[in-house]
Amino acid sequence: MIRLFIGNKAYSSWSLRGWLALKQSGLPFEELVVPLYDDDWSQRRHDDEFAPAGGKVPLLWDGDIVVWDSLAIVEWLADRVGRDRYWPQDDAARAMARSMAAEMHSGFAPLRQECTMNLRHVVPTPVLSPSAKANIARIDALWQLARERHGDGGPYLFGAFGAVDIMFAPVVTRFLTYSVAVSDTAARYMQVMLDHPWMQQWIAAAHAEPWVIEQFEPRPA
């Protein structure tokens, strides 16, 4: 049985990606939620099970094989169940999807820092830095480009739900939480993502969690 260690569903964007990747695989797995930053976290993150990942989540154990980092988990599962489940078959579409997923994985630091993930709130748009605004514009443009070039065959970025949607899923929630204005194309895509049964399941679980991490809670204006 595959085991997936994840953090708080209300706050952990990377955990959402790893969890969606496993749901997409169709493989059975055991989900283990590890509260982040509680009194036991500093010790728990050094336990043997977490050591290979340096105490980070998501962390996947497939028997004796350990995989951490959400994009690595996507790739491991694609090798296990078939790459077509995660990536477009068309060469041009697949090249663009991989590029977008990689850009999301490594970039957009200002947006991440200024709009931390929090699924329990919808707040007015905060005052954002020019860099964060540029991140938002870039993401919106990427979503529009993917839909225009490769969106035939379904409502997701490349038609069918896949790896690139998984990588951008937490951004969708951030835009909702912080009331970020986006293009009509991006807004339609966001609604499709938010209506996905797996996203609905994750969001409901986030609201049911008992943990509150004050450093990730909205500050009064």
N, C-alpha and C. Protein backbone atom coordinates (compact mmCIF):
# COMPACT_ATOMS: atom_id res chain seq x y z
N MET A 1 0.84 -1.20 0.00
CA MET A 1 0.00 0.00 0.00
C MET A 1 0.87 1.25 0.00
N ILE A 2 0.56 2.18 -0.86
CA ILE A 2 1.25 3.46 -0.88
C ILE A 2 0.80 4.29 0.32
N ARG A 3 1.75 4.96 0.94
CA ARG A 3 1.43 5.89 2.03
C ARG A 3 1.84 7.29 1.60
N LEU A 4 0.95 8.26 1.83
CA LEU A 4 1.24 9.65 1.49
C LEU A 4 1.12 10.49 2.75
N PHE A 5 2.23 11.10 3.15
CA PHE A 5 2.24 12.03 4.26
C PHE A 5 1.99 13.44 3.72
N ILE A 6 1.02 14.11 4.29
CA ILE A 6 0.68 15.47 3.86
C ILE A 6 0.53 16.36 5.08
N GLY A 7 0.59 17.67 4.86
CA GLY A 7 0.39 18.63 5.92
C GLY A 7 -1.06 19.07 6.01
N ASN A 8 -1.30 20.09 6.81
CA ASN A 8 -2.65 20.60 7.01
C ASN A 8 -3.30 20.95 5.68
N LYS A 9 -4.51 20.47 5.46
CA LYS A 9 -5.16 20.70 4.18
C LYS A 9 -5.56 22.16 3.97
N ALA A 10 -5.75 22.88 5.04
CA ALA A 10 -6.12 24.29 4.90
C ALA A 10 -4.98 25.14 4.37
N TYR A 11 -3.75 24.72 4.62
CA TYR A 11 -2.60 25.59 4.35
C TYR A 11 -1.55 25.02 3.40
N SER A 12 -1.47 23.72 3.25
CA SER A 12 -0.32 23.11 2.59
C SER A 12 -0.56 22.94 1.09
N SER A 13 -0.06 23.89 0.32
CA SER A 13 -0.27 23.86 -1.13
C SER A 13 0.45 22.67 -1.78
N TRP A 14 1.66 22.40 -1.34
CA TRP A 14 2.39 21.28 -1.93
C TRP A 14 1.72 19.96 -1.61
N SER A 15 1.14 19.84 -0.43
CA SER A 15 0.43 18.60 -0.09
C SER A 15 -0.75 18.38 -1.01
N LEU A 16 -1.48 19.46 -1.33
CA LEU A 16 -2.60 19.33 -2.26
C LEU A 16 -2.13 18.76 -3.59
N ARG A 17 -1.01 19.22 -4.08
CA ARG A 17 -0.49 18.72 -5.35
C ARG A 17 -0.18 17.22 -5.28
N GLY A 18 0.51 16.81 -4.22
CA GLY A 18 0.84 15.39 -4.08
C GLY A 18 -0.39 14.52 -3.97
N TRP A 19 -1.38 15.02 -3.24
CA TRP A 19 -2.62 14.26 -3.03
C TRP A 19 -3.40 14.14 -4.33
N LEU A 20 -3.52 15.23 -5.08
CA LEU A 20 -4.21 15.18 -6.37
C LEU A 20 -3.49 14.24 -7.33
N ALA A 21 -2.17 14.26 -7.30
CA ALA A 21 -1.42 13.36 -8.17
C ALA A 21 -1.74 11.91 -7.87
N LEU A 22 -1.85 11.57 -6.59
CA LEU A 22 -2.19 10.19 -6.25
C LEU A 22 -3.63 9.86 -6.61
N LYS A 23 -4.55 10.78 -6.41
CA LYS A 23 -5.93 10.54 -6.82
C LYS A 23 -6.00 10.28 -8.32
N GLN A 24 -5.23 11.04 -9.09
CA GLN A 24 -5.23 10.88 -10.54
C GLN A 24 -4.67 9.53 -10.96
N SER A 25 -3.79 8.96 -10.16
CA SER A 25 -3.19 7.67 -10.51
C SER A 25 -4.19 6.53 -10.47
N GLY A 26 -5.21 6.66 -9.64
CA GLY A 26 -6.16 5.57 -9.44
C GLY A 26 -5.67 4.48 -8.52
N LEU A 27 -4.45 4.62 -7.99
CA LEU A 27 -3.89 3.62 -7.08
C LEU A 27 -4.44 3.83 -5.67
N PRO A 28 -4.69 2.75 -4.94
CA PRO A 28 -5.09 2.91 -3.54
C PRO A 28 -3.94 3.44 -2.71
N PHE A 29 -4.24 4.28 -1.73
CA PHE A 29 -3.18 4.80 -0.87
C PHE A 29 -3.74 5.16 0.50
N GLU A 30 -2.84 5.16 1.46
CA GLU A 30 -3.18 5.58 2.81
C GLU A 30 -2.73 7.02 2.99
N GLU A 31 -3.64 7.85 3.44
CA GLU A 31 -3.37 9.27 3.64
C GLU A 31 -3.07 9.53 5.11
N LEU A 32 -1.93 10.15 5.39
CA LEU A 32 -1.54 10.45 6.76
C LEU A 32 -1.30 11.95 6.88
N VAL A 33 -2.19 12.63 7.60
CA VAL A 33 -2.09 14.07 7.78
C VAL A 33 -1.20 14.36 8.98
N VAL A 34 -0.19 15.17 8.76
CA VAL A 34 0.77 15.52 9.81
C VAL A 34 0.63 17.02 10.07
N PRO A 35 0.06 17.44 11.20
CA PRO A 35 -0.08 18.88 11.46
C PRO A 35 1.27 19.58 11.46
N LEU A 36 1.36 20.65 10.70
CA LEU A 36 2.60 21.41 10.61
C LEU A 36 2.68 22.45 11.72
N TYR A 37 3.86 22.65 12.25
CA TYR A 37 4.15 23.73 13.20
C TYR A 37 3.42 23.59 14.54
N ASP A 38 2.94 22.39 14.87
CA ASP A 38 2.39 22.20 16.21
C ASP A 38 3.54 21.92 17.18
N ASP A 39 3.22 21.62 18.44
CA ASP A 39 4.27 21.45 19.45
C ASP A 39 5.20 20.28 19.16
N ASP A 40 4.70 19.29 18.40
CA ASP A 40 5.50 18.10 18.14
C ASP A 40 6.22 18.14 16.79
N TRP A 41 5.98 19.19 16.00
CA TRP A 41 6.49 19.19 14.64
C TRP A 41 8.02 19.20 14.57
N SER A 42 8.67 19.98 15.42
CA SER A 42 10.13 20.09 15.34
C SER A 42 10.80 18.75 15.56
N GLN A 43 10.19 17.89 16.40
CA GLN A 43 10.74 16.56 16.61
C GLN A 43 10.26 15.59 15.53
N ARG A 44 8.98 15.64 15.19
CA ARG A 44 8.40 14.69 14.25
C ARG A 44 9.08 14.75 12.88
N ARG A 45 9.49 15.94 12.46
CA ARG A 45 10.07 16.08 11.13
C ARG A 45 11.42 15.41 11.01
N HIS A 46 12.02 15.03 12.15
CA HIS A 46 13.30 14.34 12.13
C HIS A 46 13.16 12.84 12.31
N ASP A 47 11.93 12.33 12.38
CA ASP A 47 11.71 10.90 12.47
C ASP A 47 12.22 10.20 11.21
N ASP A 48 12.47 8.91 11.32
CA ASP A 48 13.06 8.17 10.21
C ASP A 48 12.23 8.27 8.94
N GLU A 49 10.91 8.26 9.08
CA GLU A 49 10.05 8.30 7.89
C GLU A 49 10.19 9.61 7.12
N PHE A 50 10.52 10.69 7.83
CA PHE A 50 10.62 12.00 7.20
C PHE A 50 12.05 12.37 6.81
N ALA A 51 13.02 11.63 7.32
CA ALA A 51 14.42 12.02 7.12
C ALA A 51 14.81 12.17 5.65
N PRO A 52 14.39 11.26 4.74
CA PRO A 52 14.83 11.43 3.35
C PRO A 52 14.38 12.74 2.72
N ALA A 53 13.25 13.27 3.17
CA ALA A 53 12.72 14.50 2.60
C ALA A 53 13.11 15.74 3.38
N GLY A 54 13.94 15.57 4.40
CA GLY A 54 14.33 16.72 5.21
C GLY A 54 13.17 17.30 5.99
N GLY A 55 12.19 16.47 6.30
CA GLY A 55 11.06 16.93 7.10
C GLY A 55 9.99 17.63 6.29
N LYS A 56 10.02 17.52 4.97
CA LYS A 56 9.04 18.22 4.14
C LYS A 56 7.91 17.29 3.71
N VAL A 57 6.78 17.89 3.37
CA VAL A 57 5.65 17.17 2.80
C VAL A 57 5.29 17.84 1.48
N PRO A 58 4.69 17.09 0.55
CA PRO A 58 4.24 15.70 0.65
C PRO A 58 5.42 14.73 0.55
N LEU A 59 5.18 13.57 1.11
CA LEU A 59 6.19 12.51 1.13
C LEU A 59 5.47 11.20 0.84
N LEU A 60 5.91 10.51 -0.19
CA LEU A 60 5.26 9.27 -0.62
C LEU A 60 6.19 8.10 -0.38
N TRP A 61 5.64 7.08 0.26
CA TRP A 61 6.34 5.80 0.40
C TRP A 61 5.59 4.76 -0.41
N ASP A 62 6.28 4.17 -1.36
CA ASP A 62 5.71 3.08 -2.18
C ASP A 62 6.50 1.83 -1.83
N GLY A 63 6.03 1.11 -0.81
CA GLY A 63 6.84 0.04 -0.26
C GLY A 63 8.07 0.62 0.38
N ASP A 64 9.24 0.19 -0.06
CA ASP A 64 10.50 0.71 0.47
C ASP A 64 11.03 1.89 -0.34
N ILE A 65 10.30 2.30 -1.35
CA ILE A 65 10.73 3.41 -2.21
C ILE A 65 10.13 4.70 -1.69
N VAL A 66 10.96 5.72 -1.55
CA VAL A 66 10.49 6.99 -1.04
C VAL A 66 10.62 8.05 -2.12
N VAL A 67 9.58 8.86 -2.26
CA VAL A 67 9.56 9.95 -3.24
C VAL A 67 9.03 11.19 -2.54
N TRP A 68 9.75 12.29 -2.64
CA TRP A 68 9.25 13.54 -2.08
C TRP A 68 9.32 14.61 -3.16
N ASP A 69 8.68 15.73 -2.88
CA ASP A 69 8.51 16.82 -3.84
C ASP A 69 7.35 16.47 -4.77
N SER A 70 6.43 17.41 -4.90
CA SER A 70 5.18 17.13 -5.61
C SER A 70 5.40 16.78 -7.08
N LEU A 71 6.31 17.47 -7.76
CA LEU A 71 6.53 17.18 -9.17
C LEU A 71 7.21 15.83 -9.34
N ALA A 72 8.10 15.47 -8.43
CA ALA A 72 8.71 14.14 -8.47
C ALA A 72 7.65 13.06 -8.25
N ILE A 73 6.69 13.34 -7.38
CA ILE A 73 5.60 12.39 -7.13
C ILE A 73 4.76 12.22 -8.39
N VAL A 74 4.46 13.32 -9.09
CA VAL A 74 3.74 13.23 -10.36
C VAL A 74 4.49 12.32 -11.31
N GLU A 75 5.78 12.53 -11.46
CA GLU A 75 6.56 11.75 -12.42
C GLU A 75 6.67 10.29 -12.02
N TRP A 76 6.83 10.03 -10.74
CA TRP A 76 6.89 8.64 -10.28
C TRP A 76 5.58 7.91 -10.59
N LEU A 77 4.48 8.57 -10.31
CA LEU A 77 3.18 7.94 -10.56
C LEU A 77 2.91 7.80 -12.05
N ALA A 78 3.36 8.77 -12.85
CA ALA A 78 3.21 8.65 -14.30
C ALA A 78 3.96 7.43 -14.82
N ASP A 79 5.13 7.17 -14.28
CA ASP A 79 5.87 5.97 -14.66
C ASP A 79 5.13 4.70 -14.23
N ARG A 80 4.44 4.78 -13.10
CA ARG A 80 3.74 3.60 -12.56
C ARG A 80 2.49 3.26 -13.34
N VAL A 81 1.71 4.26 -13.72
CA VAL A 81 0.38 3.98 -14.28
C VAL A 81 0.20 4.42 -15.73
N GLY A 82 1.19 5.09 -16.29
CA GLY A 82 1.08 5.55 -17.67
C GLY A 82 1.13 7.06 -17.77
N ARG A 83 2.01 7.55 -18.61
CA ARG A 83 2.23 8.99 -18.68
C ARG A 83 1.05 9.73 -19.28
N ASP A 84 0.23 9.05 -20.10
CA ASP A 84 -0.91 9.71 -20.71
C ASP A 84 -1.95 10.13 -19.68
N ARG A 85 -1.89 9.56 -18.49
CA ARG A 85 -2.83 9.96 -17.46
C ARG A 85 -2.49 11.35 -16.91
N TYR A 86 -1.28 11.79 -17.11
CA TYR A 86 -0.82 13.06 -16.55
C TYR A 86 -0.47 14.11 -17.60
N TRP A 87 0.01 13.67 -18.77
CA TRP A 87 0.53 14.61 -19.76
C TRP A 87 -0.18 14.44 -21.09
N PRO A 88 -0.36 15.52 -21.84
CA PRO A 88 -1.01 15.42 -23.15
C PRO A 88 -0.23 14.50 -24.09
N GLN A 89 -0.94 13.85 -25.01
CA GLN A 89 -0.29 12.98 -25.97
C GLN A 89 0.39 13.77 -27.09
N ASP A 90 -0.21 14.87 -27.50
CA ASP A 90 0.35 15.69 -28.56
C ASP A 90 1.69 16.29 -28.11
N ASP A 91 2.68 16.22 -28.99
CA ASP A 91 4.03 16.67 -28.63
C ASP A 91 4.07 18.14 -28.23
N ALA A 92 3.43 19.00 -29.02
CA ALA A 92 3.45 20.43 -28.73
C ALA A 92 2.74 20.74 -27.42
N ALA A 93 1.60 20.09 -27.21
CA ALA A 93 0.85 20.30 -25.97
C ALA A 93 1.63 19.79 -24.77
N ARG A 94 2.27 18.64 -24.93
CA ARG A 94 3.03 18.06 -23.81
C ARG A 94 4.22 18.94 -23.46
N ALA A 95 4.89 19.48 -24.48
CA ALA A 95 6.03 20.37 -24.22
C ALA A 95 5.59 21.60 -23.45
N MET A 96 4.45 22.17 -23.85
CA MET A 96 3.96 23.36 -23.16
C MET A 96 3.50 23.02 -21.74
N ALA A 97 2.83 21.88 -21.58
CA ALA A 97 2.35 21.48 -20.25
C ALA A 97 3.53 21.26 -19.30
N ARG A 98 4.57 20.62 -19.77
CA ARG A 98 5.75 20.39 -18.93
C ARG A 98 6.40 21.73 -18.55
N SER A 99 6.48 22.64 -19.52
CA SER A 99 7.09 23.94 -19.24
C SER A 99 6.28 24.71 -18.21
N MET A 100 4.95 24.68 -18.33
CA MET A 100 4.11 25.39 -17.38
C MET A 100 4.21 24.77 -15.99
N ALA A 101 4.21 23.44 -15.92
CA ALA A 101 4.32 22.78 -14.62
C ALA A 101 5.65 23.11 -13.96
N ALA A 102 6.72 23.11 -14.74
CA ALA A 102 8.04 23.42 -14.19
C ALA A 102 8.12 24.87 -13.73
N GLU A 103 7.53 25.79 -14.51
CA GLU A 103 7.54 27.20 -14.11
C GLU A 103 6.77 27.40 -12.81
N MET A 104 5.65 26.72 -12.69
CA MET A 104 4.88 26.82 -11.44
C MET A 104 5.67 26.24 -10.28
N HIS A 105 6.36 25.15 -10.54
CA HIS A 105 7.11 24.46 -9.48
C HIS A 105 8.24 25.32 -8.93
N SER A 106 8.90 26.08 -9.81
CA SER A 106 10.10 26.80 -9.38
C SER A 106 9.91 28.30 -9.20
N GLY A 107 8.78 28.84 -9.67
CA GLY A 107 8.65 30.28 -9.71
C GLY A 107 7.52 30.85 -8.87
N PHE A 108 7.22 32.12 -9.15
CA PHE A 108 6.11 32.84 -8.53
C PHE A 108 6.27 33.02 -7.02
N ALA A 109 7.50 33.22 -6.59
CA ALA A 109 7.77 33.37 -5.15
C ALA A 109 7.03 34.55 -4.52
N PRO A 110 6.97 35.73 -5.16
CA PRO A 110 6.24 36.84 -4.53
C PRO A 110 4.77 36.50 -4.26
N LEU A 111 4.11 35.86 -5.22
CA LEU A 111 2.71 35.49 -5.01
C LEU A 111 2.59 34.49 -3.86
N ARG A 112 3.48 33.52 -3.81
CA ARG A 112 3.44 32.54 -2.73
C ARG A 112 3.58 33.21 -1.36
N GLN A 113 4.51 34.17 -1.29
CA GLN A 113 4.80 34.81 -0.01
C GLN A 113 3.71 35.78 0.43
N GLU A 114 3.12 36.49 -0.51
CA GLU A 114 2.14 37.52 -0.16
C GLU A 114 0.71 36.98 -0.09
N CYS A 115 0.47 35.86 -0.73
CA CYS A 115 -0.87 35.25 -0.71
C CYS A 115 -0.73 33.78 -0.32
N THR A 116 -0.45 33.54 0.95
CA THR A 116 -0.27 32.17 1.41
C THR A 116 -1.59 31.41 1.30
N MET A 117 -1.50 30.10 1.14
CA MET A 117 -2.71 29.30 0.97
C MET A 117 -3.51 29.26 2.27
N ASN A 118 -4.79 29.51 2.15
CA ASN A 118 -5.70 29.40 3.30
C ASN A 118 -7.10 29.17 2.74
N LEU A 119 -7.58 27.94 2.88
CA LEU A 119 -8.85 27.56 2.27
C LEU A 119 -10.07 27.93 3.10
N ARG A 120 -9.87 28.52 4.26
CA ARG A 120 -11.00 28.82 5.14
C ARG A 120 -11.53 30.23 5.00
N HIS A 121 -10.90 31.06 4.19
CA HIS A 121 -11.29 32.47 4.13
C HIS A 121 -11.40 32.96 2.70
N VAL A 122 -12.24 33.96 2.50
CA VAL A 122 -12.25 34.79 1.30
C VAL A 122 -12.16 36.23 1.80
N VAL A 123 -11.10 36.92 1.40
CA VAL A 123 -10.84 38.26 1.92
C VAL A 123 -10.67 39.24 0.76
N PRO A 124 -10.83 40.54 1.02
CA PRO A 124 -10.55 41.51 -0.05
C PRO A 124 -9.10 41.41 -0.51
N THR A 125 -8.87 41.76 -1.75
CA THR A 125 -7.52 41.70 -2.30
C THR A 125 -6.58 42.60 -1.51
N PRO A 126 -5.50 42.06 -0.97
CA PRO A 126 -4.56 42.90 -0.23
C PRO A 126 -3.74 43.79 -1.17
N VAL A 127 -3.01 44.70 -0.59
CA VAL A 127 -2.07 45.50 -1.37
C VAL A 127 -0.90 44.59 -1.74
N LEU A 128 -0.71 44.39 -3.03
CA LEU A 128 0.31 43.46 -3.51
C LEU A 128 1.48 44.22 -4.12
N SER A 129 2.64 43.62 -4.04
CA SER A 129 3.83 44.21 -4.64
C SER A 129 3.73 44.13 -6.16
N PRO A 130 4.48 44.96 -6.88
CA PRO A 130 4.52 44.84 -8.34
C PRO A 130 4.94 43.44 -8.80
N SER A 131 5.81 42.80 -8.05
CA SER A 131 6.26 41.46 -8.43
C SER A 131 5.13 40.44 -8.32
N ALA A 132 4.33 40.54 -7.26
CA ALA A 132 3.20 39.63 -7.10
C ALA A 132 2.15 39.87 -8.18
N LYS A 133 1.92 41.15 -8.51
CA LYS A 133 0.98 41.47 -9.58
C LYS A 133 1.47 40.91 -10.92
N ALA A 134 2.77 40.98 -11.14
CA ALA A 134 3.33 40.42 -12.36
C ALA A 134 3.16 38.90 -12.40
N ASN A 135 3.31 38.25 -11.25
CA ASN A 135 3.06 36.81 -11.16
C ASN A 135 1.64 36.48 -11.56
N ILE A 136 0.69 37.24 -11.05
CA ILE A 136 -0.72 37.00 -11.36
C ILE A 136 -0.98 37.17 -12.86
N ALA A 137 -0.43 38.23 -13.42
CA ALA A 137 -0.62 38.47 -14.85
C ALA A 137 0.00 37.34 -15.69
N ARG A 138 1.15 36.86 -15.27
CA ARG A 138 1.82 35.78 -15.99
C ARG A 138 0.99 34.50 -15.94
N ILE A 139 0.48 34.16 -14.76
CA ILE A 139 -0.33 32.95 -14.62
C ILE A 139 -1.60 33.04 -15.46
N ASP A 140 -2.27 34.18 -15.40
CA ASP A 140 -3.48 34.40 -16.19
C ASP A 140 -3.16 34.22 -17.68
N ALA A 141 -2.06 34.79 -18.13
CA ALA A 141 -1.68 34.68 -19.54
C ALA A 141 -1.38 33.22 -19.92
N LEU A 142 -0.72 32.50 -19.05
CA LEU A 142 -0.43 31.09 -19.32
C LEU A 142 -1.72 30.28 -19.43
N TRP A 143 -2.63 30.51 -18.52
CA TRP A 143 -3.91 29.79 -18.56
C TRP A 143 -4.65 30.07 -19.86
N GLN A 144 -4.68 31.34 -20.26
CA GLN A 144 -5.35 31.68 -21.51
C GLN A 144 -4.67 31.02 -22.70
N LEU A 145 -3.35 31.02 -22.72
CA LEU A 145 -2.60 30.45 -23.83
C LEU A 145 -2.85 28.94 -23.94
N ALA A 146 -2.83 28.26 -22.82
CA ALA A 146 -3.07 26.81 -22.83
C ALA A 146 -4.47 26.50 -23.33
N ARG A 147 -5.45 27.23 -22.84
CA ARG A 147 -6.83 26.99 -23.27
C ARG A 147 -7.00 27.28 -24.76
N GLU A 148 -6.39 28.36 -25.24
CA GLU A 148 -6.55 28.72 -26.65
C GLU A 148 -5.87 27.72 -27.58
N ARG A 149 -4.68 27.27 -27.19
CA ARG A 149 -3.91 26.40 -28.09
C ARG A 149 -4.27 24.93 -27.95
N HIS A 150 -4.56 24.50 -26.73
CA HIS A 150 -4.67 23.05 -26.50
C HIS A 150 -5.86 22.67 -25.63
N GLY A 151 -6.85 23.53 -25.49
CA GLY A 151 -7.96 23.27 -24.59
C GLY A 151 -9.11 22.48 -25.18
N ASP A 152 -9.01 22.10 -26.45
CA ASP A 152 -10.09 21.30 -27.04
C ASP A 152 -10.18 19.95 -26.33
N GLY A 153 -11.37 19.47 -26.20
CA GLY A 153 -11.55 18.13 -25.63
C GLY A 153 -11.85 18.11 -24.16
N GLY A 154 -11.98 19.28 -23.52
CA GLY A 154 -12.30 19.30 -22.10
C GLY A 154 -12.13 20.68 -21.53
N PRO A 155 -12.54 20.90 -20.28
CA PRO A 155 -12.53 22.24 -19.70
C PRO A 155 -11.25 22.61 -18.96
N TYR A 156 -10.29 21.69 -18.90
CA TYR A 156 -9.07 21.95 -18.14
C TYR A 156 -8.02 22.59 -19.05
N LEU A 157 -6.87 22.91 -18.53
CA LEU A 157 -5.89 23.70 -19.28
C LEU A 157 -5.53 23.06 -20.62
N PHE A 158 -5.38 21.75 -20.63
CA PHE A 158 -5.05 21.04 -21.85
C PHE A 158 -6.16 20.05 -22.23
N GLY A 159 -7.38 20.44 -21.93
CA GLY A 159 -8.53 19.60 -22.24
C GLY A 159 -8.87 18.69 -21.07
N ALA A 160 -8.13 17.60 -20.95
CA ALA A 160 -8.34 16.65 -19.86
C ALA A 160 -7.56 17.08 -18.62
N PHE A 161 -8.07 16.72 -17.46
CA PHE A 161 -7.37 16.99 -16.20
C PHE A 161 -6.04 16.25 -16.20
N GLY A 162 -4.97 16.96 -15.76
CA GLY A 162 -3.67 16.32 -15.76
C GLY A 162 -2.69 17.01 -14.84
N ALA A 163 -1.41 16.76 -15.07
CA ALA A 163 -0.36 17.22 -14.17
C ALA A 163 -0.32 18.73 -14.04
N VAL A 164 -0.51 19.44 -15.15
CA VAL A 164 -0.41 20.89 -15.09
C VAL A 164 -1.55 21.49 -14.26
N ASP A 165 -2.73 20.89 -14.32
CA ASP A 165 -3.84 21.33 -13.45
C ASP A 165 -3.51 21.05 -11.99
N ILE A 166 -2.89 19.92 -11.73
CA ILE A 166 -2.47 19.58 -10.38
C ILE A 166 -1.50 20.62 -9.84
N MET A 167 -0.55 21.03 -10.66
CA MET A 167 0.45 21.99 -10.20
C MET A 167 -0.15 23.37 -9.95
N PHE A 168 -1.17 23.75 -10.70
CA PHE A 168 -1.77 25.07 -10.53
C PHE A 168 -2.97 25.06 -9.57
N ALA A 169 -3.37 23.90 -9.07
CA ALA A 169 -4.56 23.84 -8.21
C ALA A 169 -4.48 24.77 -7.00
N PRO A 170 -3.36 24.84 -6.27
CA PRO A 170 -3.31 25.76 -5.14
C PRO A 170 -3.38 27.23 -5.53
N VAL A 171 -2.93 27.55 -6.75
CA VAL A 171 -3.03 28.93 -7.21
C VAL A 171 -4.50 29.30 -7.39
N VAL A 172 -5.28 28.37 -7.90
CA VAL A 172 -6.72 28.60 -8.03
C VAL A 172 -7.31 28.97 -6.67
N THR A 173 -6.94 28.24 -5.63
CA THR A 173 -7.49 28.54 -4.31
C THR A 173 -6.98 29.87 -3.78
N ARG A 174 -5.73 30.20 -4.07
CA ARG A 174 -5.19 31.50 -3.64
C ARG A 174 -5.95 32.65 -4.29
N PHE A 175 -6.20 32.53 -5.59
CA PHE A 175 -6.93 33.59 -6.28
C PHE A 175 -8.32 33.76 -5.69
N LEU A 176 -8.94 32.65 -5.30
CA LEU A 176 -10.25 32.73 -4.66
C LEU A 176 -10.15 33.37 -3.29
N THR A 177 -9.22 32.91 -2.48
CA THR A 177 -9.07 33.42 -1.11
C THR A 177 -8.85 34.92 -1.09
N TYR A 178 -8.02 35.41 -2.00
CA TYR A 178 -7.63 36.83 -1.98
C TYR A 178 -8.37 37.66 -3.02
N SER A 179 -9.48 37.11 -3.54
CA SER A 179 -10.37 37.86 -4.45
C SER A 179 -9.60 38.50 -5.59
N VAL A 180 -8.71 37.72 -6.19
CA VAL A 180 -7.86 38.22 -7.26
C VAL A 180 -8.67 38.32 -8.55
N ALA A 181 -8.63 39.46 -9.19
CA ALA A 181 -9.32 39.66 -10.46
C ALA A 181 -8.53 39.01 -11.59
N VAL A 182 -9.23 38.22 -12.41
CA VAL A 182 -8.60 37.53 -13.52
C VAL A 182 -9.46 37.68 -14.77
N SER A 183 -8.93 37.25 -15.90
CA SER A 183 -9.66 37.29 -17.16
C SER A 183 -10.86 36.33 -17.11
N ASP A 184 -11.76 36.49 -18.06
CA ASP A 184 -12.92 35.60 -18.14
C ASP A 184 -12.49 34.15 -18.35
N THR A 185 -11.49 33.95 -19.19
CA THR A 185 -11.00 32.58 -19.43
C THR A 185 -10.46 31.97 -18.16
N ALA A 186 -9.68 32.74 -17.42
CA ALA A 186 -9.12 32.24 -16.16
C ALA A 186 -10.21 31.99 -15.13
N ALA A 187 -11.20 32.86 -15.07
CA ALA A 187 -12.29 32.69 -14.12
C ALA A 187 -13.08 31.42 -14.41
N ARG A 188 -13.32 31.14 -15.68
CA ARG A 188 -14.03 29.90 -16.03
C ARG A 188 -13.21 28.68 -15.64
N TYR A 189 -11.92 28.75 -15.90
CA TYR A 189 -11.05 27.63 -15.52
C TYR A 189 -11.04 27.44 -14.00
N MET A 190 -10.95 28.52 -13.26
CA MET A 190 -10.97 28.42 -11.81
C MET A 190 -12.23 27.73 -11.32
N GLN A 191 -13.37 28.07 -11.89
CA GLN A 191 -14.62 27.46 -11.44
C GLN A 191 -14.66 25.97 -11.75
N VAL A 192 -14.14 25.60 -12.92
CA VAL A 192 -14.07 24.19 -13.27
C VAL A 192 -13.20 23.44 -12.25
N MET A 193 -12.08 24.02 -11.90
CA MET A 193 -11.21 23.38 -10.91
C MET A 193 -11.87 23.28 -9.55
N LEU A 194 -12.50 24.36 -9.12
CA LEU A 194 -13.14 24.35 -7.80
C LEU A 194 -14.31 23.38 -7.74
N ASP A 195 -14.92 23.10 -8.87
CA ASP A 195 -16.04 22.16 -8.92
C ASP A 195 -15.60 20.71 -9.02
N HIS A 196 -14.31 20.49 -9.27
CA HIS A 196 -13.82 19.10 -9.39
C HIS A 196 -14.09 18.36 -8.08
N PRO A 197 -14.61 17.14 -8.14
CA PRO A 197 -14.94 16.40 -6.91
C PRO A 197 -13.77 16.26 -5.95
N TRP A 198 -12.56 16.07 -6.47
CA TRP A 198 -11.41 15.94 -5.58
C TRP A 198 -11.10 17.25 -4.88
N MET A 199 -11.23 18.35 -5.58
CA MET A 199 -11.03 19.65 -4.95
C MET A 199 -12.10 19.91 -3.90
N GLN A 200 -13.33 19.55 -4.19
CA GLN A 200 -14.40 19.71 -3.22
C GLN A 200 -14.13 18.86 -1.98
N GLN A 201 -13.63 17.66 -2.18
CA GLN A 201 -13.30 16.78 -1.05
C GLN A 201 -12.20 17.38 -0.18
N TRP A 202 -11.15 17.89 -0.82
CA TRP A 202 -10.03 18.49 -0.08
C TRP A 202 -10.48 19.74 0.68
N ILE A 203 -11.25 20.60 0.03
CA ILE A 203 -11.70 21.84 0.66
C ILE A 203 -12.59 21.55 1.86
N ALA A 204 -13.49 20.58 1.72
CA ALA A 204 -14.36 20.21 2.85
C ALA A 204 -13.53 19.70 4.02
N ALA A 205 -12.52 18.90 3.73
CA ALA A 205 -11.65 18.39 4.80
C ALA A 205 -10.87 19.52 5.45
N ALA A 206 -10.45 20.50 4.65
CA ALA A 206 -9.72 21.65 5.21
C ALA A 206 -10.58 22.41 6.20
N HIS A 207 -11.84 22.60 5.86
CA HIS A 207 -12.75 23.32 6.77
C HIS A 207 -13.01 22.52 8.05
N ALA A 208 -12.89 21.21 7.96
CA ALA A 208 -13.17 20.37 9.13
C ALA A 208 -11.97 20.20 10.05
N GLU A 209 -10.80 20.61 9.62
CA GLU A 209 -9.60 20.44 10.45
C GLU A 209 -9.68 21.29 11.71
N PRO A 210 -9.15 20.78 12.82
CA PRO A 210 -9.18 21.56 14.06
C PRO A 210 -8.01 22.53 14.22
N TRP A 211 -6.98 22.40 13.38
CA TRP A 211 -5.75 23.16 13.60
C TRP A 211 -5.82 24.54 12.96
N VAL A 212 -5.26 25.51 13.66
CA VAL A 212 -5.13 26.86 13.14
C VAL A 212 -3.66 27.26 13.26
N ILE A 213 -3.06 27.71 12.16
CA ILE A 213 -1.69 28.19 12.16
C ILE A 213 -1.74 29.70 12.01
N GLU A 214 -1.47 30.41 13.09
CA GLU A 214 -1.70 31.84 13.11
C GLU A 214 -0.88 32.58 12.06
N GLN A 215 0.32 32.11 11.78
CA GLN A 215 1.18 32.82 10.83
C GLN A 215 0.61 32.80 9.41
N PHE A 216 -0.33 31.89 9.14
CA PHE A 216 -0.95 31.80 7.81
C PHE A 216 -2.37 32.34 7.80
N GLU A 217 -2.79 32.95 8.88
CA GLU A 217 -4.13 33.53 8.94
C GLU A 217 -4.11 34.97 8.43
N PRO A 218 -5.19 35.41 7.77
CA PRO A 218 -5.23 36.80 7.28
C PRO A 218 -5.11 37.79 8.41
N ARG A 219 -4.41 38.89 8.15
CA ARG A 219 -4.25 39.96 9.11
C ARG A 219 -5.30 41.03 8.86
N PRO A 220 -5.83 41.67 9.90
CA PRO A 220 -6.79 42.75 9.68
C PRO A 220 -6.18 43.86 8.84
N ALA A 221 -6.99 44.46 8.00
CA ALA A 221 -6.49 45.54 7.14
C ALA A 221 -6.16 46.77 7.98
